[in-house]
Amino acid sequence: ASLSDLPDDHEAHAVIASYLGQLCHAIFAMTAAEIVVLGGGVMHTPGLLERTREAAARLDRGYLPGGARHAIVAPALGPNAGIAGAILLAQAARAENS
């Protein structure tokens, strides 16, 4: 079943949020990234972004320098981010080949 189709109290929500929190924390720890943008179908699950932020914060506990600047956000273009990015890449490729 899709995560969005499961009840809010289903354990899968916590598991996925934990995995995503671990991923984001690892990105912050291994790179100079200050912002991680999470999008796609699974991120349409209500509350998942906030749960992911909480999971990453639990892992960090103030350990990483600059942690106050770290943010986990949704794409600014919302559900249109993927198609908008593809169109921009196509336009850039076309301009480069013209």
PDB file of N, CA and C in Angstrom:
ATOM      1  N   ALA A   1       0.840  -1.190   0.000  1.00  0.00           N
ATOM      2  CA  ALA A   1       0.000   0.000   0.000  1.00  0.00           C
ATOM      3  C   ALA A   1       0.878   1.243   0.000  1.00  0.00           C
ATOM      4  N   SER A   2       0.370   2.278  -0.567  1.00  0.00           N
ATOM      5  CA  SER A   2       1.057   3.564  -0.548  1.00  0.00           C
ATOM      6  C   SER A   2       1.078   4.096   0.883  1.00  0.00           C
ATOM      7  N   LEU A   3       2.152   4.763   1.252  1.00  0.00           N
ATOM      8  CA  LEU A   3       2.255   5.320   2.600  1.00  0.00           C
ATOM      9  C   LEU A   3       1.080   6.255   2.886  1.00  0.00           C
ATOM     10  N   SER A   4       0.662   7.012   1.891  1.00  0.00           N
ATOM     11  CA  SER A   4      -0.458   7.948   2.061  1.00  0.00           C
ATOM     12  C   SER A   4      -1.773   7.229   2.346  1.00  0.00           C
ATOM     13  N   ASP A   5      -1.867   5.964   1.915  1.00  0.00           N
ATOM     14  CA  ASP A   5      -3.091   5.199   2.123  1.00  0.00           C
ATOM     15  C   ASP A   5      -3.164   4.547   3.494  1.00  0.00           C
ATOM     16  N   LEU A   6      -2.037   4.500   4.198  1.00  0.00           N
ATOM     17  CA  LEU A   6      -2.014   3.860   5.522  1.00  0.00           C
ATOM     18  C   LEU A   6      -2.520   4.830   6.581  1.00  0.00           C
ATOM     19  N   PRO A   7      -3.085   4.313   7.667  1.00  0.00           N
ATOM     20  CA  PRO A   7      -3.543   5.194   8.752  1.00  0.00           C
ATOM     21  C   PRO A   7      -2.373   5.997   9.325  1.00  0.00           C
ATOM     22  N   ASP A   8      -2.657   7.178   9.847  1.00  0.00           N
ATOM     23  CA  ASP A   8      -1.614   8.059  10.385  1.00  0.00           C
ATOM     24  C   ASP A   8      -0.779   7.413  11.483  1.00  0.00           C
ATOM     25  N   ASP A   9      -1.375   6.476  12.222  1.00  0.00           N
ATOM     26  CA  ASP A   9      -0.653   5.848  13.323  1.00  0.00           C
ATOM     27  C   ASP A   9       0.067   4.558  12.912  1.00  0.00           C
ATOM     28  N   HIS A  10       0.082   4.256  11.627  1.00  0.00           N
ATOM     29  CA  HIS A  10       0.759   3.045  11.155  1.00  0.00           C
ATOM     30  C   HIS A  10       2.264   3.199  11.337  1.00  0.00           C
ATOM     31  N   GLU A  11       2.934   2.126  11.760  1.00  0.00           N
ATOM     32  CA  GLU A  11       4.369   2.182  12.040  1.00  0.00           C
ATOM     33  C   GLU A  11       5.211   2.544  10.820  1.00  0.00           C
ATOM     34  N   ALA A  12       4.699   2.334   9.631  1.00  0.00           N
ATOM     35  CA  ALA A  12       5.450   2.648   8.417  1.00  0.00           C
ATOM     36  C   ALA A  12       5.794   4.138   8.334  1.00  0.00           C
ATOM     37  N   HIS A  13       4.932   4.997   8.856  1.00  0.00           N
ATOM     38  CA  HIS A  13       5.208   6.436   8.830  1.00  0.00           C
ATOM     39  C   HIS A  13       6.478   6.747   9.610  1.00  0.00           C
ATOM     40  N   ALA A  14       6.613   6.167  10.781  1.00  0.00           N
ATOM     41  CA  ALA A  14       7.801   6.403  11.611  1.00  0.00           C
ATOM     42  C   ALA A  14       9.045   5.803  10.968  1.00  0.00           C
ATOM     43  N   VAL A  15       8.898   4.635  10.356  1.00  0.00           N
ATOM     44  CA  VAL A  15      10.047   3.981   9.720  1.00  0.00           C
ATOM     45  C   VAL A  15      10.564   4.821   8.553  1.00  0.00           C
ATOM     46  N   ILE A  16       9.669   5.248   7.679  1.00  0.00           N
ATOM     47  CA  ILE A  16      10.075   6.047   6.514  1.00  0.00           C
ATOM     48  C   ILE A  16      10.653   7.379   6.964  1.00  0.00           C
ATOM     49  N   ALA A  17      10.033   8.027   7.934  1.00  0.00           N
ATOM     50  CA  ALA A  17      10.554   9.301   8.448  1.00  0.00           C
ATOM     51  C   ALA A  17      11.947   9.107   9.041  1.00  0.00           C
ATOM     52  N   SER A  18      12.152   8.007   9.720  1.00  0.00           N
ATOM     53  CA  SER A  18      13.468   7.721  10.300  1.00  0.00           C
ATOM     54  C   SER A  18      14.512   7.540   9.207  1.00  0.00           C
ATOM     55  N   TYR A  19      14.179   6.775   8.173  1.00  0.00           N
ATOM     56  CA  TYR A  19      15.120   6.577   7.064  1.00  0.00           C
ATOM     57  C   TYR A  19      15.452   7.902   6.382  1.00  0.00           C
ATOM     58  N   LEU A  20      14.430   8.695   6.124  1.00  0.00           N
ATOM     59  CA  LEU A  20      14.664   9.984   5.469  1.00  0.00           C
ATOM     60  C   LEU A  20      15.449  10.930   6.380  1.00  0.00           C
ATOM     61  N   GLY A  21      15.165  10.896   7.680  1.00  0.00           N
ATOM     62  CA  GLY A  21      15.920  11.704   8.635  1.00  0.00           C
ATOM     63  C   GLY A  21      17.387  11.307   8.661  1.00  0.00           C
ATOM     64  N   GLN A  22      17.655   9.986   8.615  1.00  0.00           N
ATOM     65  CA  GLN A  22      19.032   9.506   8.569  1.00  0.00           C
ATOM     66  C   GLN A  22      19.733   9.980   7.295  1.00  0.00           C
ATOM     67  N   LEU A  23      19.027   9.904   6.175  1.00  0.00           N
ATOM     68  CA  LEU A  23      19.587  10.365   4.906  1.00  0.00           C
ATOM     69  C   LEU A  23      19.943  11.847   4.974  1.00  0.00           C
ATOM     70  N   CYS A  24      19.021  12.656   5.444  1.00  0.00           N
ATOM     71  CA  CYS A  24      19.259  14.103   5.516  1.00  0.00           C
ATOM     72  C   CYS A  24      20.407  14.415   6.477  1.00  0.00           C
ATOM     73  N   HIS A  25      20.440  13.748   7.620  1.00  0.00           N
ATOM     74  CA  HIS A  25      21.516  13.977   8.581  1.00  0.00           C
ATOM     75  C   HIS A  25      22.858  13.598   7.973  1.00  0.00           C
ATOM     76  N   ALA A  26      22.903  12.491   7.234  1.00  0.00           N
ATOM     77  CA  ALA A  26      24.142  12.077   6.579  1.00  0.00           C
ATOM     78  C   ALA A  26      24.581  13.102   5.537  1.00  0.00           C
ATOM     79  N   ILE A  27      23.638  13.640   4.794  1.00  0.00           N
ATOM     80  CA  ILE A  27      23.968  14.678   3.799  1.00  0.00           C
ATOM     81  C   ILE A  27      24.556  15.899   4.492  1.00  0.00           C
ATOM     82  N   PHE A  28      23.935  16.330   5.582  1.00  0.00           N
ATOM     83  CA  PHE A  28      24.461  17.474   6.331  1.00  0.00           C
ATOM     84  C   PHE A  28      25.846  17.173   6.893  1.00  0.00           C
ATOM     85  N   ALA A  29      26.061  15.952   7.375  1.00  0.00           N
ATOM     86  CA  ALA A  29      27.330  15.591   8.002  1.00  0.00           C
ATOM     87  C   ALA A  29      28.469  15.444   6.995  1.00  0.00           C
ATOM     88  N   MET A  30      28.149  14.974   5.794  1.00  0.00           N
ATOM     89  CA  MET A  30      29.208  14.670   4.830  1.00  0.00           C
ATOM     90  C   MET A  30      29.458  15.752   3.792  1.00  0.00           C
ATOM     91  N   THR A  31      28.576  16.724   3.726  1.00  0.00           N
ATOM     92  CA  THR A  31      28.722  17.773   2.712  1.00  0.00           C
ATOM     93  C   THR A  31      28.573  19.138   3.369  1.00  0.00           C
ATOM     94  N   ALA A  32      28.712  20.157   2.580  1.00  0.00           N
ATOM     95  CA  ALA A  32      28.509  21.514   3.077  1.00  0.00           C
ATOM     96  C   ALA A  32      27.070  21.980   2.849  1.00  0.00           C
ATOM     97  N   ALA A  33      26.180  21.038   2.534  1.00  0.00           N
ATOM     98  CA  ALA A  33      24.781  21.395   2.280  1.00  0.00           C
ATOM     99  C   ALA A  33      24.143  21.970   3.542  1.00  0.00           C
ATOM    100  N   GLU A  34      23.349  22.982   3.343  1.00  0.00           N
ATOM    101  CA  GLU A  34      22.581  23.556   4.446  1.00  0.00           C
ATOM    102  C   GLU A  34      21.097  23.283   4.273  1.00  0.00           C
ATOM    103  N   ILE A  35      20.689  22.975   3.043  1.00  0.00           N
ATOM    104  CA  ILE A  35      19.275  22.717   2.763  1.00  0.00           C
ATOM    105  C   ILE A  35      19.164  21.425   1.967  1.00  0.00           C
ATOM    106  N   VAL A  36      18.243  20.563   2.382  1.00  0.00           N
ATOM    107  CA  VAL A  36      17.908  19.360   1.633  1.00  0.00           C
ATOM    108  C   VAL A  36      16.456  19.520   1.200  1.00  0.00           C
ATOM    109  N   VAL A  37      16.216  19.359  -0.102  1.00  0.00           N
ATOM    110  CA  VAL A  37      14.869  19.469  -0.653  1.00  0.00           C
ATOM    111  C   VAL A  37      14.349  18.056  -0.901  1.00  0.00           C
ATOM    112  N   LEU A  38      13.233  17.725  -0.276  1.00  0.00           N
ATOM    113  CA  LEU A  38      12.615  16.409  -0.449  1.00  0.00           C
ATOM    114  C   LEU A  38      11.293  16.568  -1.177  1.00  0.00           C
ATOM    115  N   GLY A  39      11.168  15.901  -2.305  1.00  0.00           N
ATOM    116  CA  GLY A  39       9.932  15.962  -3.075  1.00  0.00           C
ATOM    117  C   GLY A  39       9.569  14.579  -3.568  1.00  0.00           C
ATOM    118  N   GLY A  40       8.644  14.517  -4.465  1.00  0.00           N
ATOM    119  CA  GLY A  40       8.214  13.246  -5.012  1.00  0.00           C
ATOM    120  C   GLY A  40       6.959  12.744  -4.340  1.00  0.00           C
ATOM    121  N   GLY A  41       6.479  11.630  -4.834  1.00  0.00           N
ATOM    122  CA  GLY A  41       5.199  11.095  -4.389  1.00  0.00           C
ATOM    123  C   GLY A  41       5.083  10.829  -2.908  1.00  0.00           C
ATOM    124  N   VAL A  42       6.107  10.185  -2.327  1.00  0.00           N
ATOM    125  CA  VAL A  42       6.005   9.839  -0.910  1.00  0.00           C
ATOM    126  C   VAL A  42       5.902  11.084  -0.034  1.00  0.00           C
ATOM    127  N   MET A  43       6.472  12.188  -0.473  1.00  0.00           N
ATOM    128  CA  MET A  43       6.448  13.400   0.337  1.00  0.00           C
ATOM    129  C   MET A  43       5.078  14.076   0.329  1.00  0.00           C
ATOM    130  N   HIS A  44       4.152  13.543  -0.445  1.00  0.00           N
ATOM    131  CA  HIS A  44       2.771  14.045  -0.396  1.00  0.00           C
ATOM    132  C   HIS A  44       2.031  13.474   0.815  1.00  0.00           C
ATOM    133  N   THR A  45       2.666  12.558   1.514  1.00  0.00           N
ATOM    134  CA  THR A  45       2.057  11.974   2.708  1.00  0.00           C
ATOM    135  C   THR A  45       1.957  13.039   3.793  1.00  0.00           C
ATOM    136  N   PRO A  46       0.763  13.322   4.285  1.00  0.00           N
ATOM    137  CA  PRO A  46       0.604  14.354   5.312  1.00  0.00           C
ATOM    138  C   PRO A  46       1.477  14.080   6.539  1.00  0.00           C
ATOM    139  N   GLY A  47       2.204  15.091   6.960  1.00  0.00           N
ATOM    140  CA  GLY A  47       3.022  15.006   8.155  1.00  0.00           C
ATOM    141  C   GLY A  47       4.395  14.395   7.980  1.00  0.00           C
ATOM    142  N   LEU A  48       4.695  13.822   6.818  1.00  0.00           N
ATOM    143  CA  LEU A  48       5.972  13.139   6.637  1.00  0.00           C
ATOM    144  C   LEU A  48       7.153  14.107   6.675  1.00  0.00           C
ATOM    145  N   LEU A  49       7.005  15.269   6.094  1.00  0.00           N
ATOM    146  CA  LEU A  49       8.111  16.234   6.099  1.00  0.00           C
ATOM    147  C   LEU A  49       8.461  16.633   7.532  1.00  0.00           C
ATOM    148  N   GLU A  50       7.455  16.909   8.347  1.00  0.00           N
ATOM    149  CA  GLU A  50       7.705  17.290   9.745  1.00  0.00           C
ATOM    150  C   GLU A  50       8.313  16.132  10.529  1.00  0.00           C
ATOM    151  N   ARG A  51       7.823  14.940  10.318  1.00  0.00           N
ATOM    152  CA  ARG A  51       8.389  13.763  10.998  1.00  0.00           C
ATOM    153  C   ARG A  51       9.845  13.552  10.591  1.00  0.00           C
ATOM    154  N   THR A  52      10.146  13.805   9.337  1.00  0.00           N
ATOM    155  CA  THR A  52      11.519  13.664   8.850  1.00  0.00           C
ATOM    156  C   THR A  52      12.425  14.699   9.508  1.00  0.00           C
ATOM    157  N   ARG A  53      11.944  15.920   9.605  1.00  0.00           N
ATOM    158  CA  ARG A  53      12.719  16.967  10.288  1.00  0.00           C
ATOM    159  C   ARG A  53      13.002  16.578  11.743  1.00  0.00           C
ATOM    160  N   GLU A  54      11.982  16.058  12.414  1.00  0.00           N
ATOM    161  CA  GLU A  54      12.136  15.647  13.813  1.00  0.00           C
ATOM    162  C   GLU A  54      13.139  14.508  13.939  1.00  0.00           C
ATOM    163  N   ALA A  55      13.082  13.554  13.018  1.00  0.00           N
ATOM    164  CA  ALA A  55      14.012  12.420  13.052  1.00  0.00           C
ATOM    165  C   ALA A  55      15.444  12.894  12.856  1.00  0.00           C
ATOM    166  N   ALA A  56      15.669  13.809  11.922  1.00  0.00           N
ATOM    167  CA  ALA A  56      17.018  14.335  11.685  1.00  0.00           C
ATOM    168  C   ALA A  56      17.507  15.113  12.902  1.00  0.00           C
ATOM    169  N   ALA A  57      16.628  15.880  13.520  1.00  0.00           N
ATOM    170  CA  ALA A  57      17.007  16.654  14.710  1.00  0.00           C
ATOM    171  C   ALA A  57      17.362  15.735  15.879  1.00  0.00           C
ATOM    172  N   ARG A  58      16.626  14.630  16.031  1.00  0.00           N
ATOM    173  CA  ARG A  58      16.944  13.666  17.092  1.00  0.00           C
ATOM    174  C   ARG A  58      18.328  13.058  16.886  1.00  0.00           C
ATOM    175  N   LEU A  59      18.688  12.799  15.642  1.00  0.00           N
ATOM    176  CA  LEU A  59      20.006  12.246  15.348  1.00  0.00           C
ATOM    177  C   LEU A  59      21.111  13.256  15.617  1.00  0.00           C
ATOM    178  N   ASP A  60      20.850  14.507  15.289  1.00  0.00           N
ATOM    179  CA  ASP A  60      21.886  15.537  15.398  1.00  0.00           C
ATOM    180  C   ASP A  60      22.153  15.952  16.838  1.00  0.00           C
ATOM    181  N   ARG A  61      21.112  16.285  17.559  1.00  0.00           N
ATOM    182  CA  ARG A  61      21.220  16.723  18.966  1.00  0.00           C
ATOM    183  C   ARG A  61      22.303  17.777  19.158  1.00  0.00           C
ATOM    184  N   GLY A  62      22.420  18.693  18.197  1.00  0.00           N
ATOM    185  CA  GLY A  62      23.387  19.785  18.312  1.00  0.00           C
ATOM    186  C   GLY A  62      24.813  19.401  17.989  1.00  0.00           C
ATOM    187  N   TYR A  63      25.025  18.212  17.445  1.00  0.00           N
ATOM    188  CA  TYR A  63      26.383  17.725  17.181  1.00  0.00           C
ATOM    189  C   TYR A  63      27.063  18.448  16.019  1.00  0.00           C
ATOM    190  N   LEU A  64      26.355  18.624  14.922  1.00  0.00           N
ATOM    191  CA  LEU A  64      26.975  19.187  13.727  1.00  0.00           C
ATOM    192  C   LEU A  64      27.148  20.695  13.843  1.00  0.00           C
ATOM    193  N   PRO A  65      28.330  21.197  13.476  1.00  0.00           N
ATOM    194  CA  PRO A  65      28.510  22.647  13.473  1.00  0.00           C
ATOM    195  C   PRO A  65      27.594  23.273  12.416  1.00  0.00           C
ATOM    196  N   GLY A  66      27.052  24.409  12.723  1.00  0.00           N
ATOM    197  CA  GLY A  66      26.159  25.076  11.779  1.00  0.00           C
ATOM    198  C   GLY A  66      24.794  24.431  11.688  1.00  0.00           C
ATOM    199  N   GLY A  67      24.466  23.554  12.623  1.00  0.00           N
ATOM    200  CA  GLY A  67      23.194  22.845  12.573  1.00  0.00           C
ATOM    201  C   GLY A  67      21.982  23.757  12.567  1.00  0.00           C
ATOM    202  N   ALA A  68      22.118  24.940  13.113  1.00  0.00           N
ATOM    203  CA  ALA A  68      20.996  25.884  13.128  1.00  0.00           C
ATOM    204  C   ALA A  68      20.629  26.331  11.713  1.00  0.00           C
ATOM    205  N   ARG A  69      21.588  26.209  10.789  1.00  0.00           N
ATOM    206  CA  ARG A  69      21.337  26.614   9.399  1.00  0.00           C
ATOM    207  C   ARG A  69      20.765  25.469   8.564  1.00  0.00           C
ATOM    208  N   HIS A  70      20.764  24.258   9.091  1.00  0.00           N
ATOM    209  CA  HIS A  70      20.272  23.110   8.334  1.00  0.00           C
ATOM    210  C   HIS A  70      18.755  23.143   8.244  1.00  0.00           C
ATOM    211  N   ALA A  71      18.258  22.860   7.056  1.00  0.00           N
ATOM    212  CA  ALA A  71      16.808  22.852   6.832  1.00  0.00           C
ATOM    213  C   ALA A  71      16.441  21.725   5.881  1.00  0.00           C
ATOM    214  N   ILE A  72      15.315  21.114   6.147  1.00  0.00           N
ATOM    215  CA  ILE A  72      14.736  20.108   5.265  1.00  0.00           C
ATOM    216  C   ILE A  72      13.423  20.693   4.787  1.00  0.00           C
ATOM    217  N   VAL A  73      13.305  20.884   3.473  1.00  0.00           N
ATOM    218  CA  VAL A  73      12.161  21.606   2.924  1.00  0.00           C
ATOM    219  C   VAL A  73      11.541  20.854   1.752  1.00  0.00           C
ATOM    220  N   ALA A  74      10.332  21.247   1.421  1.00  0.00           N
ATOM    221  CA  ALA A  74       9.648  20.758   0.226  1.00  0.00           C
ATOM    222  C   ALA A  74      10.048  21.641  -0.956  1.00  0.00           C
ATOM    223  N   PRO A  75       9.935  21.145  -2.177  1.00  0.00           N
ATOM    224  CA  PRO A  75      10.274  21.965  -3.342  1.00  0.00           C
ATOM    225  C   PRO A  75       9.405  23.230  -3.395  1.00  0.00           C
ATOM    226  N   ALA A  76      10.021  24.339  -3.759  1.00  0.00           N
ATOM    227  CA  ALA A  76       9.288  25.606  -3.837  1.00  0.00           C
ATOM    228  C   ALA A  76       8.171  25.553  -4.878  1.00  0.00           C
ATOM    229  N   LEU A  77       8.349  24.750  -5.923  1.00  0.00           N
ATOM    230  CA  LEU A  77       7.329  24.651  -6.963  1.00  0.00           C
ATOM    231  C   LEU A  77       6.310  23.553  -6.685  1.00  0.00           C
ATOM    232  N   GLY A  78       6.410  22.945  -5.495  1.00  0.00           N
ATOM    233  CA  GLY A  78       5.444  21.919  -5.113  1.00  0.00           C
ATOM    234  C   GLY A  78       5.432  20.753  -6.084  1.00  0.00           C
ATOM    235  N   PRO A  79       4.258  20.259  -6.427  1.00  0.00           N
ATOM    236  CA  PRO A  79       4.180  19.091  -7.300  1.00  0.00           C
ATOM    237  C   PRO A  79       4.631  19.368  -8.732  1.00  0.00           C
ATOM    238  N   ASN A  80       4.849  20.633  -9.078  1.00  0.00           N
ATOM    239  CA  ASN A  80       5.284  20.978 -10.436  1.00  0.00           C
ATOM    240  C   ASN A  80       6.799  21.041 -10.569  1.00  0.00           C
ATOM    241  N   ALA A  81       7.537  20.781  -9.501  1.00  0.00           N
ATOM    242  CA  ALA A  81       8.992  20.928  -9.513  1.00  0.00           C
ATOM    243  C   ALA A  81       9.659  20.020 -10.544  1.00  0.00           C
ATOM    244  N   GLY A  82       9.246  18.771 -10.612  1.00  0.00           N
ATOM    245  CA  GLY A  82       9.871  17.828 -11.545  1.00  0.00           C
ATOM    246  C   GLY A  82       9.690  18.230 -12.991  1.00  0.00           C
ATOM    247  N   ILE A  83       8.477  18.539 -13.367  1.00  0.00           N
ATOM    248  CA  ILE A  83       8.215  18.897 -14.764  1.00  0.00           C
ATOM    249  C   ILE A  83       8.838  20.248 -15.105  1.00  0.00           C
ATOM    250  N   ALA A  84       8.813  21.187 -14.164  1.00  0.00           N
ATOM    251  CA  ALA A  84       9.423  22.498 -14.412  1.00  0.00           C
ATOM    252  C   ALA A  84      10.931  22.349 -14.617  1.00  0.00           C
ATOM    253  N   GLY A  85      11.577  21.507 -13.805  1.00  0.00           N
ATOM    254  CA  GLY A  85      13.005  21.264 -13.959  1.00  0.00           C
ATOM    255  C   GLY A  85      13.322  20.618 -15.290  1.00  0.00           C
ATOM    256  N   ALA A  86      12.497  19.662 -15.699  1.00  0.00           N
ATOM    257  CA  ALA A  86      12.709  18.998 -16.995  1.00  0.00           C
ATOM    258  C   ALA A  86      12.569  19.989 -18.142  1.00  0.00           C
ATOM    259  N   ILE A  87      11.602  20.870 -18.076  1.00  0.00           N
ATOM    260  CA  ILE A  87      11.404  21.874 -19.131  1.00  0.00           C
ATOM    261  C   ILE A  87      12.596  22.825 -19.182  1.00  0.00           C
ATOM    262  N   LEU A  88      13.074  23.261 -18.024  1.00  0.00           N
ATOM    263  CA  LEU A  88      14.235  24.161 -17.991  1.00  0.00           C
ATOM    264  C   LEU A  88      15.483  23.492 -18.559  1.00  0.00           C
ATOM    265  N   LEU A  89      15.688  22.219 -18.237  1.00  0.00           N
ATOM    266  CA  LEU A  89      16.838  21.497 -18.789  1.00  0.00           C
ATOM    267  C   LEU A  89      16.713  21.359 -20.302  1.00  0.00           C
ATOM    268  N   ALA A  90      15.510  21.071 -20.787  1.00  0.00           N
ATOM    269  CA  ALA A  90      15.295  20.956 -22.231  1.00  0.00           C
ATOM    270  C   ALA A  90      15.542  22.281 -22.929  1.00  0.00           C
ATOM    271  N   GLN A  91      15.079  23.379 -22.343  1.00  0.00           N
ATOM    272  CA  GLN A  91      15.313  24.694 -22.930  1.00  0.00           C
ATOM    273  C   GLN A  91      16.802  25.022 -22.963  1.00  0.00           C
ATOM    274  N   ALA A  92      17.519  24.698 -21.899  1.00  0.00           N
ATOM    275  CA  ALA A  92      18.957  24.961 -21.845  1.00  0.00           C
ATOM    276  C   ALA A  92      19.689  24.140 -22.888  1.00  0.00           C
ATOM    277  N   ALA A  93      19.306  22.874 -23.044  1.00  0.00           N
ATOM    278  CA  ALA A  93      19.938  22.012 -24.045  1.00  0.00           C
ATOM    279  C   ALA A  93      19.669  22.523 -25.444  1.00  0.00           C
ATOM    280  N   ARG A  94      18.452  22.968 -25.671  1.00  0.00           N
ATOM    281  CA  ARG A  94      18.096  23.494 -27.001  1.00  0.00           C
ATOM    282  C   ARG A  94      18.891  24.755 -27.302  1.00  0.00           C
ATOM    283  N   ALA A  95      18.999  25.642 -26.326  1.00  0.00           N
ATOM    284  CA  ALA A  95      19.750  26.881 -26.521  1.00  0.00           C
ATOM    285  C   ALA A  95      21.226  26.597 -26.769  1.00  0.00           C
ATOM    286  N   GLU A  96      21.752  25.593 -26.106  1.00  0.00           N
ATOM    287  CA  GLU A  96      23.166  25.222 -26.264  1.00  0.00           C
ATOM    288  C   GLU A  96      23.431  24.649 -27.659  1.00  0.00           C
ATOM    289  N   ASN A  97      22.451  23.968 -28.215  1.00  0.00           N
ATOM    290  CA  ASN A  97      22.616  23.329 -29.537  1.00  0.00           C
ATOM    291  C   ASN A  97      22.181  24.228 -30.687  1.00  0.00           C
ATOM    292  N   SER A  98      21.732  25.428 -30.383  1.00  0.00           N
ATOM    293  CA  SER A  98      21.271  26.345 -31.441  1.00  0.00           C
ATOM    294  C   SER A  98      22.399  27.171 -31.975  1.00  0.00           C
TER     295      SER A  98
END
